[in-house]
Amino acid sequence: MEVWNEMHAIFNSELTSMALVTEKAGELARAIARKQAEPQHHHHDAPNPPLSDEIAELLWEILSLSAQSGIDLTEALAANLEKRNQKK
């Protein structure tokens, strides 16, 4: 992630990255809401990209924010899984 950002001159602050995460989460929520909308509610906007694209964009921004914050996601996810397993 860091190498890709450096190769493409992507240097956002953590605050900017958090704003991008929020934006992408909103776009995903909008796509899901439109997908679930009643058939009589037709939207005349451009067609929504597939949910997989929206999820991938959100994941990309989360990965970028994690890298900027010095978070090892492998470790963080393992710790979170352990915590979730203890709650059962």
Protein backbone atom coordinates (compact mmCIF):
# COMPACT_ATOMS: atom_id res chain seq x y z
CA MET A 1 0.00 0.00 0.00
CA GLU A 2 2.69 2.49 0.99
CA VAL A 3 4.74 1.68 -2.12
CA TRP A 4 1.70 2.17 -4.37
CA ASN A 5 0.89 5.50 -2.70
CA GLU A 6 4.47 6.67 -3.13
CA MET A 7 4.56 5.57 -6.79
CA HIS A 8 1.39 7.51 -7.49
CA ALA A 9 2.23 10.50 -5.29
CA ILE A 10 -0.69 9.91 -2.92
CA PHE A 11 0.10 11.66 0.34
CA ASN A 12 -3.09 12.38 2.24
CA SER A 13 -3.22 13.29 5.88
CA GLU A 14 -5.02 10.91 8.23
CA LEU A 15 -7.85 13.42 8.44
CA THR A 16 -8.22 13.53 4.65
CA SER A 17 -8.09 9.74 4.51
CA MET A 18 -10.79 9.52 7.18
CA ALA A 19 -12.94 11.87 5.13
CA LEU A 20 -12.43 9.61 2.11
CA VAL A 21 -13.40 6.54 4.16
CA THR A 22 -16.57 8.34 5.23
CA GLU A 23 -17.34 9.38 1.65
CA LYS A 24 -16.87 5.86 0.32
CA ALA A 25 -19.00 4.40 3.13
CA GLY A 26 -21.74 6.85 2.17
CA GLU A 27 -21.49 5.84 -1.48
CA LEU A 28 -21.81 2.18 -0.49
CA ALA A 29 -24.82 2.96 1.71
CA ARG A 30 -26.45 4.85 -1.15
CA ALA A 31 -25.85 1.98 -3.58
CA ILE A 32 -27.35 -0.53 -1.13
CA ALA A 33 -30.34 1.73 -0.46
CA ARG A 34 -30.99 2.13 -4.17
CA LYS A 35 -30.66 -1.60 -4.73
CA GLN A 36 -33.24 -2.23 -1.99
CA ALA A 37 -35.61 0.57 -3.10
CA GLU A 38 -39.14 -0.26 -4.06
CA PRO A 39 -39.60 -0.80 -7.82
CA GLN A 40 -41.91 2.23 -8.06
CA HIS A 41 -39.07 4.50 -6.91
CA HIS A 42 -37.16 4.91 -10.11
CA HIS A 43 -33.95 6.90 -9.95
CA HIS A 44 -33.04 8.93 -13.00
CA ASP A 45 -29.38 9.31 -12.04
CA ALA A 46 -26.63 7.41 -13.75
CA PRO A 47 -26.72 3.69 -12.94
CA ASN A 48 -24.94 2.66 -9.76
CA PRO A 49 -21.68 0.78 -10.02
CA PRO A 50 -21.80 -2.79 -8.72
CA LEU A 51 -21.68 -3.18 -4.94
CA SER A 52 -18.37 -5.00 -5.36
CA ASP A 53 -16.83 -1.81 -6.78
CA GLU A 54 -18.17 0.29 -3.92
CA ILE A 55 -16.90 -2.20 -1.32
CA ALA A 56 -13.49 -2.37 -3.02
CA GLU A 57 -13.21 1.43 -3.03
CA LEU A 58 -14.08 1.58 0.67
CA LEU A 59 -11.58 -1.18 1.45
CA TRP A 60 -8.88 0.67 -0.47
CA GLU A 61 -9.42 3.81 1.60
CA ILE A 62 -9.43 1.79 4.85
CA LEU A 63 -6.16 0.10 3.84
CA SER A 64 -4.65 3.48 3.01
CA LEU A 65 -5.73 4.97 6.35
CA SER A 66 -4.34 1.94 8.18
CA ALA A 67 -0.98 2.25 6.45
CA GLN A 68 -0.80 5.97 7.24
CA SER A 69 -1.63 5.27 10.87
CA GLY A 70 1.03 2.57 11.17
CA ILE A 71 -1.56 -0.12 11.86
CA ASP A 72 -0.74 -3.71 10.94
CA LEU A 73 -4.14 -4.91 9.79
CA THR A 74 -3.17 -8.57 10.04
CA GLU A 75 -2.46 -8.11 13.73
CA ALA A 76 -5.48 -5.88 14.27
CA LEU A 77 -7.86 -8.32 12.59
CA ALA A 78 -6.43 -11.28 14.53
CA ALA A 79 -6.88 -9.39 17.81
CA ASN A 80 -10.42 -8.40 16.85
CA LEU A 81 -11.30 -11.98 15.91
CA GLU A 82 -9.98 -13.18 19.25
CA LYS A 83 -12.09 -10.55 21.04
CA ARG A 84 -15.19 -11.56 19.08
CA ASN A 85 -14.62 -15.24 19.87
CA GLN A 86 -14.39 -14.48 23.58
CA LYS A 87 -17.80 -12.77 23.49
CA LYS A 88 -19.55 -15.98 22.37
